[in-house]
N, C-alpha and C. Protein backbone atom coordinates (compact mmCIF):
# COMPACT_ATOMS: atom_id res chain seq x y z
N MET A 1 0.66 -1.41 -0.42
CA MET A 1 -0.08 0.26 0.07
C MET A 1 0.78 1.17 0.33
N PHE A 2 2.07 1.28 1.16
CA PHE A 2 2.28 2.26 0.80
C PHE A 2 3.69 2.93 -0.51
N ARG A 3 3.44 1.28 -0.73
CA ARG A 3 4.51 1.62 -2.27
C ARG A 3 3.75 2.37 -3.19
N LYS A 4 2.76 1.52 -3.30
CA LYS A 4 1.49 2.11 -4.68
C LYS A 4 1.53 4.12 -4.42
N SER A 5 1.12 4.08 -2.62
CA SER A 5 1.40 5.31 -2.77
C SER A 5 2.37 6.42 -2.83
N SER A 6 3.18 5.81 -2.80
CA SER A 6 4.14 6.15 -3.12
C SER A 6 4.93 6.75 -4.57
N LEU A 7 4.37 6.20 -5.41
CA LEU A 7 4.39 5.89 -6.55
C LEU A 7 3.34 6.50 -7.63
N VAL A 8 2.77 7.08 -6.78
CA VAL A 8 1.32 8.01 -7.30
C VAL A 8 1.65 9.05 -6.73
N PHE A 9 2.37 9.26 -6.22
CA PHE A 9 2.77 10.99 -5.23
C PHE A 9 4.03 11.30 -6.12
N SER A 10 5.30 10.71 -6.35
CA SER A 10 5.92 10.65 -7.01
C SER A 10 5.88 10.96 -8.24
N ALA A 11 4.60 10.60 -8.92
CA ALA A 11 3.97 10.83 -10.03
C ALA A 11 3.49 12.53 -10.24
N THR A 12 2.84 12.18 -9.28
CA THR A 12 2.03 13.51 -9.14
C THR A 12 3.57 14.30 -9.01
N LEU A 13 4.30 15.04 -8.32
CA LEU A 13 5.24 15.95 -8.08
C LEU A 13 5.68 16.00 -9.62
N CYS A 14 6.30 14.57 -10.56
CA CYS A 14 6.81 14.86 -11.16
C CYS A 14 5.93 16.30 -12.27
N ILE A 15 4.86 15.86 -12.33
CA ILE A 15 3.89 16.31 -13.03
C ILE A 15 3.56 18.08 -12.53
N ALA A 16 3.31 17.87 -11.73
CA ALA A 16 3.33 19.47 -10.71
C ALA A 16 4.14 19.75 -11.20
N ALA A 17 5.55 19.82 -11.37
CA ALA A 17 6.87 19.93 -10.93
C ALA A 17 7.29 20.23 -13.18
N PHE A 18 6.71 19.45 -14.04
CA PHE A 18 6.51 19.86 -15.44
C PHE A 18 6.24 21.65 -15.61
N THR A 19 5.80 22.32 -15.04
CA THR A 19 4.98 23.13 -15.56
C THR A 19 5.81 24.23 -15.64
N ALA A 20 6.89 24.42 -14.24
CA ALA A 20 7.34 25.35 -14.13
C ALA A 20 8.93 25.15 -14.58
N SER A 21 9.31 23.72 -14.59
CA SER A 21 10.50 23.31 -14.87
C SER A 21 11.48 23.78 -16.36
N ALA A 22 10.42 24.09 -17.14
CA ALA A 22 11.40 25.43 -18.16
C ALA A 22 12.00 26.69 -17.67
N GLN A 23 11.22 26.73 -17.13
CA GLN A 23 11.69 28.60 -15.92
C GLN A 23 12.72 28.63 -15.10
N GLU A 24 12.87 27.02 -14.80
CA GLU A 24 13.87 27.09 -13.04
C GLU A 24 15.38 27.48 -13.73
N SER A 25 15.90 27.84 -12.37
CA SER A 25 17.52 28.18 -13.63
C SER A 25 18.51 26.98 -13.60
N ALA A 26 19.61 26.79 -14.67
CA ALA A 26 20.60 25.76 -14.50
C ALA A 26 21.08 25.83 -13.15
N GLN A 27 21.24 26.55 -12.60
CA GLN A 27 21.45 26.46 -10.93
C GLN A 27 20.40 25.35 -9.90
N PHE A 28 19.60 25.52 -10.58
CA PHE A 28 18.36 24.26 -9.60
C PHE A 28 18.42 23.43 -10.23
N SER A 29 18.53 22.81 -11.47
CA SER A 29 19.03 21.81 -11.85
C SER A 29 20.30 21.23 -11.36
N LYS A 30 21.01 21.91 -11.69
CA LYS A 30 22.39 21.29 -11.03
C LYS A 30 22.29 21.10 -9.60
N CYS A 31 21.55 21.64 -8.84
CA CYS A 31 21.82 21.63 -7.42
C CYS A 31 20.73 20.10 -7.46
N LEU A 32 19.92 20.06 -7.64
CA LEU A 32 19.65 18.96 -7.63
C LEU A 32 19.57 17.76 -8.12
N ASP A 33 20.27 18.02 -9.35
CA ASP A 33 21.82 16.65 -9.74
C ASP A 33 22.71 16.09 -8.92
N GLN A 34 23.39 17.16 -7.78
CA GLN A 34 24.10 16.44 -6.80
C GLN A 34 23.27 16.25 -6.24
N ALA A 35 22.29 16.80 -5.37
CA ALA A 35 21.17 16.50 -4.77
C ALA A 35 20.63 14.75 -4.50
N ALA A 36 21.50 13.95 -5.39
CA ALA A 36 21.24 12.94 -5.73
C ALA A 36 20.59 11.99 -4.94
N GLY A 37 19.05 12.80 -5.07
CA GLY A 37 17.75 12.35 -4.05
C GLY A 37 17.77 12.58 -2.91
N ALA A 38 19.04 13.49 -1.99
CA ALA A 38 19.08 13.45 -0.41
C ALA A 38 18.02 14.42 -0.30
N SER A 39 16.60 13.61 0.27
CA SER A 39 15.50 15.32 0.60
C SER A 39 16.02 16.89 1.26
N GLY A 40 17.39 16.60 2.43
CA GLY A 40 17.62 17.71 2.77
C GLY A 40 18.66 18.24 1.88
N LYS A 41 19.44 18.03 0.94
CA LYS A 41 19.67 18.59 -0.28
C LYS A 41 18.75 19.05 -0.68
N MET A 42 17.59 18.12 -1.16
CA MET A 42 16.77 18.81 -2.49
C MET A 42 15.74 20.08 -1.89
N LEU A 43 16.09 19.80 -0.80
CA LEU A 43 14.93 20.85 0.01
C LEU A 43 15.55 22.22 0.34
N GLU A 44 17.26 22.27 0.46
CA GLU A 44 17.20 23.06 0.33
C GLU A 44 17.88 24.13 -0.87
N CYS A 45 18.35 23.28 -1.99
CA CYS A 45 17.84 23.57 -3.90
C CYS A 45 16.65 24.16 -3.77
N HIS A 46 15.31 23.94 -3.07
CA HIS A 46 14.16 24.79 -3.51
C HIS A 46 14.46 25.78 -2.73
N LYS A 47 14.80 26.24 -1.62
CA LYS A 47 15.07 27.27 -0.72
C LYS A 47 15.65 28.13 -1.92
N THR A 48 16.94 27.70 -2.09
CA THR A 48 17.64 28.73 -2.84
C THR A 48 17.06 28.87 -3.94
N GLU A 49 16.36 28.30 -5.05
CA GLU A 49 15.72 28.49 -6.13
C GLU A 49 14.40 29.56 -5.35
N VAL A 50 14.17 29.54 -5.09
CA VAL A 50 12.65 30.64 -4.24
C VAL A 50 13.43 31.53 -3.86
N GLY A 51 14.36 31.94 -3.37
CA GLY A 51 15.13 33.04 -2.96
C GLY A 51 15.86 33.51 -4.60
N ARG A 52 15.82 33.42 -6.06
CA ARG A 52 15.61 33.94 -6.14
C ARG A 52 14.58 34.66 -6.99
N TRP A 53 13.59 33.88 -7.25
CA TRP A 53 12.50 34.14 -7.82
C TRP A 53 11.77 35.23 -7.27
N ASP A 54 11.68 35.08 -5.75
CA ASP A 54 10.90 36.01 -4.91
C ASP A 54 11.52 37.44 -5.10
N PRO A 55 12.48 37.60 -5.01
CA PRO A 55 12.80 39.23 -6.01
C PRO A 55 12.16 39.64 -7.11
N ARG A 56 12.18 39.17 -7.60
CA ARG A 56 11.44 39.08 -9.17
C ARG A 56 9.60 39.39 -8.90
N LEU A 57 9.46 38.56 -7.85
CA LEU A 57 7.94 38.50 -7.88
C LEU A 57 8.02 39.75 -7.26
N ASN A 58 8.81 40.09 -6.07
CA ASN A 58 8.84 41.93 -5.45
C ASN A 58 8.65 42.44 -6.77
N ALA A 59 10.20 42.47 -7.15
CA ALA A 59 9.84 43.98 -8.56
C ALA A 59 9.11 44.39 -9.15
N ALA A 60 8.61 43.30 -9.84
CA ALA A 60 7.44 43.36 -10.41
C ALA A 60 6.14 43.83 -10.00
N TYR A 61 5.98 43.21 -9.32
CA TYR A 61 4.66 43.38 -8.15
C TYR A 61 4.79 45.42 -8.01
N GLN A 62 5.78 45.50 -7.26
CA GLN A 62 6.11 47.08 -6.80
C GLN A 62 6.08 48.34 -8.25
N THR A 63 6.71 47.48 -9.55
CA THR A 63 6.41 48.02 -10.85
C THR A 63 5.06 48.30 -10.77
N LEU A 64 4.28 47.61 -11.00
CA LEU A 64 3.11 47.01 -11.68
C LEU A 64 2.06 48.34 -10.15
N LEU A 65 2.64 48.23 -8.71
CA LEU A 65 1.90 49.16 -8.11
C LEU A 65 1.96 50.51 -8.14
N HIS A 66 3.25 50.82 -8.95
CA HIS A 66 3.42 52.27 -8.99
C HIS A 66 2.65 52.90 -10.29
N ARG A 67 2.59 51.74 -10.87
CA ARG A 67 1.93 52.46 -12.18
C ARG A 67 0.95 52.34 -12.11
N TYR A 68 -0.33 51.55 -11.86
CA TYR A 68 -1.32 51.98 -11.70
C TYR A 68 -1.90 52.70 -10.42
N LYS A 69 -3.32 53.00 -10.92
CA LYS A 69 -3.78 54.11 -9.78
C LYS A 69 -4.79 53.54 -9.70
N ASP A 70 -5.61 54.23 -8.40
CA ASP A 70 -6.97 54.07 -8.56
C ASP A 70 -7.39 52.48 -8.10
N LYS A 71 -8.72 52.22 -8.73
CA LYS A 71 -9.25 50.87 -9.50
C LYS A 71 -8.69 49.85 -9.28
N GLN A 72 -7.47 50.04 -10.25
CA GLN A 72 -6.77 49.27 -10.84
C GLN A 72 -5.24 48.76 -9.69
N ARG A 73 -4.78 49.81 -9.47
CA ARG A 73 -4.15 49.26 -8.59
C ARG A 73 -4.72 48.64 -7.27
N ALA A 74 -5.94 49.43 -6.91
CA ALA A 74 -6.40 48.56 -5.36
C ALA A 74 -7.34 46.56 -6.07
N GLN A 75 -7.43 47.05 -7.17
CA GLN A 75 -7.98 45.10 -8.03
C GLN A 75 -6.52 44.35 -7.39
N LEU A 76 -5.28 45.27 -8.47
CA LEU A 76 -3.92 44.31 -7.47
C LEU A 76 -3.79 44.19 -6.93
N GLN A 77 -3.57 44.97 -5.08
CA GLN A 77 -3.39 44.62 -4.47
C GLN A 77 -4.40 43.70 -3.62
N GLN A 78 -5.42 43.87 -3.94
CA GLN A 78 -6.95 42.72 -3.81
C GLN A 78 -6.17 41.69 -4.39
N GLU A 79 -5.21 41.24 -5.39
CA GLU A 79 -5.00 39.63 -6.13
C GLU A 79 -4.31 39.40 -5.32
N GLN A 80 -3.04 40.28 -5.20
CA GLN A 80 -2.21 39.77 -4.95
C GLN A 80 -2.02 39.19 -3.16
N ARG A 81 -2.91 39.90 -2.59
CA ARG A 81 -3.44 39.39 -0.97
C ARG A 81 -3.79 37.98 -1.15
N ALA A 82 -4.83 37.81 -2.25
CA ALA A 82 -5.55 36.76 -1.87
C ALA A 82 -4.50 35.69 -2.99
N TRP A 83 -3.70 35.74 -3.56
CA TRP A 83 -2.64 34.58 -4.21
C TRP A 83 -1.85 34.44 -3.19
N LEU A 84 -1.48 35.13 -2.82
CA LEU A 84 -0.75 34.95 -0.96
C LEU A 84 -1.04 34.32 0.43
N LYS A 85 -2.57 34.90 0.51
CA LYS A 85 -2.89 34.11 1.17
C LYS A 85 -3.11 32.46 0.56
N HIS A 86 -3.68 32.01 -0.44
CA HIS A 86 -3.36 31.15 -0.84
C HIS A 86 -2.44 30.46 -0.95
N HIS A 87 -1.00 30.94 -1.27
CA HIS A 87 0.05 30.26 -1.70
C HIS A 87 1.00 29.80 -0.22
N LEU A 88 0.64 30.87 1.01
CA LEU A 88 0.96 30.29 2.01
C LEU A 88 0.01 29.02 2.97
N SER A 89 -1.04 29.58 3.01
CA SER A 89 -2.10 28.16 3.41
C SER A 89 -2.00 26.77 2.77
N GLU A 90 -1.64 26.76 1.29
CA GLU A 90 -1.41 25.80 0.63
C GLU A 90 -0.12 25.33 0.59
N THR A 91 1.18 25.90 1.06
CA THR A 91 2.25 25.81 1.17
C THR A 91 2.41 24.72 2.05
N HIS A 92 1.87 25.49 3.20
CA HIS A 92 1.23 24.79 4.75
C HIS A 92 0.75 23.78 4.93
N ARG A 93 -0.03 23.62 4.78
CA ARG A 93 -1.05 21.94 3.93
C ARG A 93 -0.27 21.05 3.52
N LEU A 94 0.34 21.44 2.51
CA LEU A 94 0.80 19.94 2.00
C LEU A 94 2.36 19.70 2.98
N ALA A 95 2.64 20.62 3.17
CA ALA A 95 3.62 20.47 4.25
C ALA A 95 3.70 19.36 5.64
N ALA A 96 2.21 19.63 5.96
CA ALA A 96 1.66 18.37 6.93
C ALA A 96 0.90 17.75 6.63
N GLN A 97 1.31 17.15 5.50
CA GLN A 97 0.74 15.80 5.09
C GLN A 97 0.79 15.25 6.38
N PRO A 98 0.44 13.79 5.79
CA PRO A 98 -0.08 12.35 7.07
C PRO A 98 1.70 11.88 7.35
N GLU A 99 1.88 11.79 8.40
CA GLU A 99 3.59 11.61 8.70
C GLU A 99 4.16 10.07 7.83
N ASP A 100 3.00 9.17 7.15
CA ASP A 100 3.72 8.34 6.26
C ASP A 100 4.64 8.19 5.08
N ILE A 101 3.88 9.57 4.84
CA ILE A 101 4.65 10.11 3.42
C ILE A 101 6.05 10.91 4.14
N GLY A 102 6.41 11.01 5.02
CA GLY A 102 7.42 11.65 5.53
C GLY A 102 8.61 13.30 5.17
N ASP A 103 9.58 12.56 4.53
CA ASP A 103 10.03 13.69 4.11
C ASP A 103 9.76 14.47 2.55
N ALA A 104 8.94 13.36 1.55
CA ALA A 104 8.21 14.12 0.79
C ALA A 104 6.75 14.54 1.04
N ALA A 105 6.62 14.97 2.04
CA ALA A 105 5.22 15.95 2.36
C ALA A 105 6.19 17.35 2.05
N PHE A 106 7.40 17.48 2.64
CA PHE A 106 7.63 18.92 2.37
C PHE A 106 8.17 18.74 1.17
N LEU A 107 9.00 18.07 0.06
CA LEU A 107 9.61 18.08 -1.02
C LEU A 107 8.58 18.27 -1.61
N GLN A 108 7.26 18.08 -1.94
CA GLN A 108 6.35 18.31 -2.20
C GLN A 108 5.37 20.06 -2.04
N SER A 109 5.91 20.59 -0.64
CA SER A 109 4.86 21.44 -0.38
C SER A 109 6.21 22.59 -0.90
N GLU A 110 7.43 22.73 -1.40
CA GLU A 110 7.84 22.78 -1.91
C GLU A 110 8.61 23.29 -3.41
N SER A 111 7.90 22.21 -3.89
CA SER A 111 8.07 22.26 -5.33
C SER A 111 6.54 22.52 -5.78
N PHE A 112 5.17 22.77 -4.80
CA PHE A 112 4.53 23.60 -5.08
C PHE A 112 4.64 25.02 -4.88
N GLU A 113 5.16 25.17 -3.47
CA GLU A 113 6.02 26.41 -3.41
C GLU A 113 6.82 27.07 -4.62
N LEU A 114 7.01 26.47 -5.16
CA LEU A 114 8.27 27.30 -6.42
C LEU A 114 7.38 27.66 -7.50
N ASP A 115 6.68 26.52 -7.77
CA ASP A 115 5.60 26.21 -8.67
C ASP A 115 4.67 27.10 -8.98
N ASP A 116 4.46 27.71 -7.72
CA ASP A 116 2.89 28.49 -7.55
C ASP A 116 3.42 29.92 -7.47
N LEU A 117 5.10 29.82 -7.38
CA LEU A 117 6.22 31.48 -7.01
C LEU A 117 6.44 31.86 -8.47
N ILE A 118 6.55 30.74 -9.40
CA ILE A 118 7.02 30.93 -10.44
C ILE A 118 5.62 31.38 -11.25
N THR A 119 5.10 30.65 -11.42
CA THR A 119 3.58 31.30 -12.06
C THR A 119 3.49 32.84 -11.89
N ARG A 120 3.18 32.74 -10.45
CA ARG A 120 2.72 34.41 -10.42
C ARG A 120 3.78 35.47 -11.11
N THR A 121 4.65 34.91 -10.28
CA THR A 121 6.31 35.92 -11.19
C THR A 121 5.76 36.02 -12.45
N LEU A 122 6.03 34.84 -13.20
CA LEU A 122 5.80 35.36 -15.09
C LEU A 122 4.88 35.98 -15.17
N ALA A 123 3.06 35.96 -14.80
CA ALA A 123 2.41 36.38 -15.00
C ALA A 123 2.74 38.04 -14.81
N LEU A 124 3.11 38.37 -13.48
CA LEU A 124 2.73 39.71 -13.24
C LEU A 124 4.52 40.77 -14.30
N GLU A 125 5.10 39.57 -13.94
CA GLU A 125 6.43 40.42 -15.46
C GLU A 125 5.02 40.72 -16.57
N LYS A 126 4.93 39.76 -17.05
CA LYS A 126 3.89 39.56 -18.57
C LYS A 126 3.60 41.22 -18.58
N LEU A 127 2.43 41.64 -17.04
CA LEU A 127 1.72 43.10 -17.33
C LEU A 127 2.87 43.62 -16.99
N VAL A 128 3.91 43.53 -16.86
CA VAL A 128 4.75 44.53 -16.92
C VAL A 128 5.30 45.11 -17.71
N ASN A 129 5.44 44.12 -18.64
CA ASN A 129 5.89 44.19 -20.04
C ASN A 129 5.14 44.49 -20.95
N GLN A 130 3.89 44.25 -20.95
CA GLN A 130 2.11 45.29 -21.79
C GLN A 130 2.67 46.51 -21.62
N LYS A 131 3.08 47.18 -20.92
CA LYS A 131 2.82 48.84 -20.71
C LYS A 131 2.07 49.24 -21.22
């Protein structure tokens, strides 16, 4: 039963990570390769990659905040708050999965966090570039 759950979980992680994988840095891919499946090292790779994307997200958001006025600005703020609330709650929910999947819960949480961060960053950067 555990083996079957692990296989399903692994397949889910691969599919979820596929979307963002085209945008992840070469350093991240290299870090994961060097981690050689060690979950602690993989978590550090994810944290480092989040650290690369977070400033991009903030820069795009700040650019749009300065560009937008009144209703458009208020809408952006409301959307960002909603995204952040969902982002944090889902990241925490995934990390708190039942103990039967162990470190995999943290890896799933980190994968979601990174994928969601990349998706939101690219969406905001697209708006920045529309001028």
